[in-house]
Amino acid sequence: MRKSNKTSRFGALILAAGVSSRMGKPKQLLSINNETMIQHVIKQVVQAGFNQIILVLGFMDKAVEKSISIKLRKKIEIVRNDQYKKGISSSIKIGIGNFKGDIPVFIFLGDQPIISQKLILEMKTCYFKYQYDVIRNNYNNTPAHPVLLGPKLLKKVDELEGDKGFNTLINKNKISVKNIDNSNNLSIIDIDTKEDYFKFIKLKEGYECDQ
């Protein structure tokens, strides 16, 4: 952990290139509040305020992009991962490679529909104050997304392989980590199956369920 001058520059990377094999159809296109899940996620990320937002698409990229409003598309950068079958690491590498400068980057999942604005602000504040290499969302003693990664760790992104995330790099390098406790169980739900989707809809009142 090291002290640093404050910075207001943050990037956001949204990963949405996966095949959705367990869902049986693109989960990015599932309906939440009369819009697709990916649009719902992007709107919340935009609301949180970032200098640069990159969305990585892969499987059925054209259909997913078309589901995003033109107005919202103008606020993000879309990059395509033709190697999405190689795992999430391929999307992370492509996404990180498109950020301008050595800025800390939040990693969001395109299948995690609830993003806590309060949590994002708290993670930014923690980075402002102490400049940890990693600020991690922590629910019930379990690391979850979003995660905020500083330049020190991002420079090692090429070491990632397959579906392995950053925990491998954190464990093998001298990386300072700060966990932010989060009591919102909805904000850590990611939707991989139809059962996950209907469970989420049931938990979150006011969300429309289109089968």
Protein backbone atom coordinates (compact mmCIF):
# COMPACT_ATOMS: atom_id res chain seq x y z
CA MET A 1 0.00 0.00 0.00
CA ARG A 2 1.31 3.44 -0.87
CA LYS A 3 0.15 7.02 -0.58
CA SER A 4 -0.57 8.89 -3.79
CA ASN A 5 -1.93 12.14 -5.11
CA LYS A 6 -5.63 12.08 -5.73
CA THR A 7 -6.84 11.35 -9.20
CA SER A 8 -10.32 11.52 -10.64
CA ARG A 9 -9.49 9.40 -13.68
CA PHE A 10 -10.99 5.92 -13.71
CA GLY A 11 -11.78 3.48 -16.47
CA ALA A 12 -14.56 0.89 -16.61
CA LEU A 13 -14.36 -2.42 -18.46
CA ILE A 14 -17.59 -4.35 -19.07
CA LEU A 15 -17.10 -8.00 -20.04
CA ALA A 16 -19.93 -9.36 -22.19
CA ALA A 17 -18.34 -11.65 -24.78
CA GLY A 18 -19.27 -15.06 -23.35
CA VAL A 19 -21.17 -17.84 -25.10
CA SER A 20 -23.91 -18.24 -22.43
CA SER A 21 -23.74 -22.03 -22.82
CA ARG A 22 -25.59 -22.76 -19.57
CA MET A 23 -28.35 -20.27 -20.38
CA GLY A 24 -29.10 -21.67 -23.84
CA LYS A 25 -29.39 -18.17 -25.32
CA PRO A 26 -27.44 -14.89 -25.01
CA LYS A 27 -27.96 -13.74 -21.44
CA GLN A 28 -26.95 -10.22 -22.45
CA LEU A 29 -30.32 -10.04 -24.23
CA LEU A 30 -32.48 -11.10 -21.27
CA SER A 31 -35.15 -8.59 -20.32
CA ILE A 32 -34.83 -6.49 -17.18
CA ASN A 33 -37.12 -3.49 -16.66
CA ASN A 34 -38.18 -3.46 -20.33
CA GLU A 35 -34.61 -3.34 -21.62
CA THR A 36 -31.87 -5.86 -22.24
CA MET A 37 -29.61 -6.83 -19.38
CA ILE A 38 -26.53 -5.47 -21.14
CA GLN A 39 -28.20 -2.08 -21.64
CA HIS A 40 -29.27 -2.13 -18.00
CA VAL A 41 -25.69 -2.78 -16.89
CA ILE A 42 -24.21 -0.11 -19.19
CA LYS A 43 -26.65 2.54 -17.94
CA GLN A 44 -25.57 1.94 -14.35
CA VAL A 45 -21.88 2.07 -15.25
CA VAL A 46 -22.39 5.34 -17.14
CA GLN A 47 -24.27 6.75 -14.16
CA ALA A 48 -21.32 5.94 -11.87
CA GLY A 49 -19.07 8.31 -13.85
CA PHE A 50 -15.93 7.14 -15.65
CA ASN A 51 -13.45 8.80 -17.99
CA GLN A 52 -13.48 5.86 -20.38
CA ILE A 53 -15.90 2.94 -20.63
CA ILE A 54 -15.05 -0.08 -22.78
CA LEU A 55 -17.49 -2.88 -23.57
CA VAL A 56 -16.07 -6.16 -24.86
CA LEU A 57 -18.41 -8.20 -27.06
CA GLY A 58 -17.88 -11.58 -28.71
CA PHE A 59 -20.64 -14.17 -29.03
CA MET A 60 -23.51 -12.76 -31.14
CA ASP A 61 -21.86 -9.35 -30.94
CA LYS A 62 -24.03 -7.73 -33.61
CA ALA A 63 -27.29 -8.69 -31.90
CA VAL A 64 -26.00 -7.56 -28.53
CA GLU A 65 -24.75 -4.24 -29.89
CA LYS A 66 -28.06 -3.64 -31.68
CA SER A 67 -29.90 -4.09 -28.37
CA ILE A 68 -28.05 -1.08 -26.93
CA SER A 69 -29.60 2.31 -27.66
CA ILE A 70 -27.71 4.61 -30.03
CA LYS A 71 -27.62 7.28 -27.31
CA LEU A 72 -25.95 4.88 -24.89
CA ARG A 73 -23.54 3.55 -27.51
CA LYS A 74 -22.16 7.06 -27.93
CA LYS A 75 -21.05 7.04 -24.29
CA ILE A 76 -18.97 3.87 -24.53
CA GLU A 77 -16.37 2.22 -26.74
CA ILE A 78 -17.18 -1.23 -28.12
CA VAL A 79 -14.38 -3.65 -28.91
CA ARG A 80 -14.77 -7.16 -30.27
CA ASN A 81 -13.08 -10.30 -29.06
CA ASP A 82 -12.96 -12.86 -31.86
CA GLN A 83 -11.19 -15.25 -29.48
CA TYR A 84 -13.95 -15.24 -26.85
CA LYS A 85 -14.01 -19.06 -26.72
CA LYS A 86 -10.56 -18.93 -25.12
CA GLY A 87 -12.07 -17.66 -21.89
CA ILE A 88 -12.57 -14.46 -19.95
CA SER A 89 -8.85 -13.66 -19.90
CA SER A 90 -8.92 -13.02 -23.66
CA SER A 91 -11.61 -10.36 -23.17
CA ILE A 92 -9.74 -8.77 -20.27
CA LYS A 93 -6.55 -8.49 -22.32
CA ILE A 94 -8.32 -6.91 -25.30
CA GLY A 95 -10.28 -4.53 -23.10
CA ILE A 96 -7.36 -3.37 -20.96
CA GLY A 97 -5.27 -2.85 -24.08
CA ASN A 98 -7.70 -0.18 -25.29
CA PHE A 99 -7.50 2.15 -22.29
CA LYS A 100 -5.65 5.43 -22.69
CA GLY A 101 -2.87 5.87 -20.14
CA ASP A 102 -2.09 4.13 -16.87
CA ILE A 103 -5.42 4.60 -15.12
CA PRO A 104 -7.11 2.36 -12.54
CA VAL A 105 -9.87 0.28 -14.09
CA PHE A 106 -13.07 -1.20 -12.68
CA ILE A 107 -14.02 -4.64 -14.04
CA PHE A 108 -17.77 -5.23 -14.41
CA LEU A 109 -19.58 -8.34 -15.62
CA GLY A 110 -22.25 -8.03 -18.29
CA ASP A 111 -24.34 -10.68 -16.51
CA GLN A 112 -24.31 -8.95 -13.11
CA PRO A 113 -27.40 -6.72 -13.40
CA ILE A 114 -27.27 -4.72 -10.16
CA ILE A 115 -24.45 -2.23 -9.61
CA SER A 116 -24.30 -0.36 -6.31
CA GLN A 117 -23.48 3.31 -6.89
CA LYS A 118 -22.63 3.64 -3.20
CA LEU A 119 -20.14 0.78 -3.47
CA ILE A 120 -18.47 2.28 -6.56
CA LEU A 121 -18.04 5.62 -4.78
CA GLU A 122 -16.61 3.90 -1.71
CA MET A 123 -14.13 1.94 -3.84
CA LYS A 124 -13.03 5.12 -5.64
CA THR A 125 -12.62 6.94 -2.32
CA CYS A 126 -10.52 4.11 -0.93
CA TYR A 127 -8.26 4.25 -3.98
CA PHE A 128 -8.02 8.05 -3.65
CA LYS A 129 -6.94 7.80 -0.04
CA TYR A 130 -4.52 4.88 0.01
CA GLN A 131 -3.77 3.84 -3.60
CA TYR A 132 -4.14 0.11 -3.02
CA ASP A 133 -3.26 -1.99 -6.05
CA VAL A 134 -6.62 -3.77 -5.84
CA ILE A 135 -9.92 -2.68 -4.30
CA ARG A 136 -12.24 -5.65 -4.12
CA ASN A 137 -15.97 -6.01 -3.53
CA ASN A 138 -16.41 -8.50 -0.69
CA TYR A 139 -19.70 -10.18 0.18
CA ASN A 140 -19.90 -12.66 3.05
CA ASN A 141 -16.09 -13.08 3.00
CA THR A 142 -16.16 -13.93 -0.71
CA PRO A 143 -14.53 -11.68 -3.37
CA ALA A 144 -16.96 -10.53 -6.05
CA HIS A 145 -17.26 -8.05 -8.90
CA PRO A 146 -16.84 -5.22 -9.47
CA VAL A 147 -13.13 -5.11 -8.73
CA LEU A 148 -10.89 -2.06 -9.09
CA LEU A 149 -7.41 -2.74 -10.46
CA GLY A 150 -4.51 -0.31 -10.31
CA PRO A 151 -1.81 0.10 -13.00
CA LYS A 152 0.68 -2.18 -11.19
CA LEU A 153 -1.56 -5.21 -11.65
CA LEU A 154 -2.90 -4.18 -15.05
CA LYS A 155 0.64 -4.25 -16.45
CA LYS A 156 0.67 -7.99 -15.76
CA VAL A 157 -2.53 -8.69 -17.68
CA ASP A 158 -0.69 -10.66 -20.38
CA GLU A 159 0.03 -13.36 -17.80
CA LEU A 160 -3.67 -14.28 -17.63
CA GLU A 161 -4.84 -17.47 -19.35
CA GLY A 162 -8.20 -19.14 -20.01
CA ASP A 163 -10.93 -18.47 -17.46
CA LYS A 164 -8.49 -17.59 -14.69
CA GLY A 165 -9.06 -14.16 -13.21
CA PHE A 166 -6.76 -11.78 -11.39
CA ASN A 167 -6.63 -13.77 -8.14
CA THR A 168 -3.81 -15.87 -9.59
CA LEU A 169 -1.76 -12.74 -10.30
CA ILE A 170 -2.58 -11.24 -6.91
CA ASN A 171 -1.35 -14.36 -5.14
CA LYS A 172 1.95 -14.60 -7.04
CA ASN A 173 2.88 -10.89 -6.93
CA LYS A 174 3.35 -8.35 -4.16
CA ILE A 175 -0.05 -6.76 -4.63
CA SER A 176 -1.81 -4.72 -1.93
CA VAL A 177 -5.49 -5.57 -1.64
CA LYS A 178 -8.31 -3.82 0.19
CA ASN A 179 -11.64 -5.60 0.57
CA ILE A 180 -14.77 -3.46 0.80
CA ASP A 181 -17.53 -5.26 2.69
CA ASN A 182 -20.84 -5.24 0.85
CA SER A 183 -24.13 -6.32 2.46
CA ASN A 184 -26.25 -6.04 -0.72
CA ASN A 185 -26.84 -9.63 -1.85
CA LEU A 186 -28.49 -8.52 -5.11
CA SER A 187 -25.38 -6.67 -6.24
CA ILE A 188 -23.26 -9.83 -6.27
CA ILE A 189 -25.69 -11.98 -8.28
CA ASP A 190 -24.49 -12.99 -11.71
CA ILE A 191 -26.87 -14.74 -14.07
CA ASP A 192 -25.55 -17.91 -15.70
CA THR A 193 -28.66 -20.09 -15.97
CA LYS A 194 -32.41 -19.70 -16.43
CA GLU A 195 -32.78 -20.62 -12.76
CA ASP A 196 -30.46 -17.74 -11.81
CA TYR A 197 -32.52 -15.37 -13.93
CA PHE A 198 -35.89 -16.31 -12.46
CA LYS A 199 -34.44 -16.29 -8.95
CA PHE A 200 -33.14 -12.77 -9.54
CA ILE A 201 -36.49 -11.60 -10.92
CA LYS A 202 -38.25 -13.03 -7.88
CA LEU A 203 -35.84 -11.32 -5.48
CA LYS A 204 -35.95 -7.95 -7.15
CA GLU A 205 -39.44 -6.48 -7.00
CA GLY A 206 -40.53 -4.40 -9.94
CA TYR A 207 -38.41 -6.22 -12.51
CA GLU A 208 -40.23 -7.52 -15.56
CA CYS A 209 -39.80 -11.19 -16.43
CA ASP A 210 -40.03 -12.07 -20.13
CA GLN A 211 -39.73 -15.82 -20.66
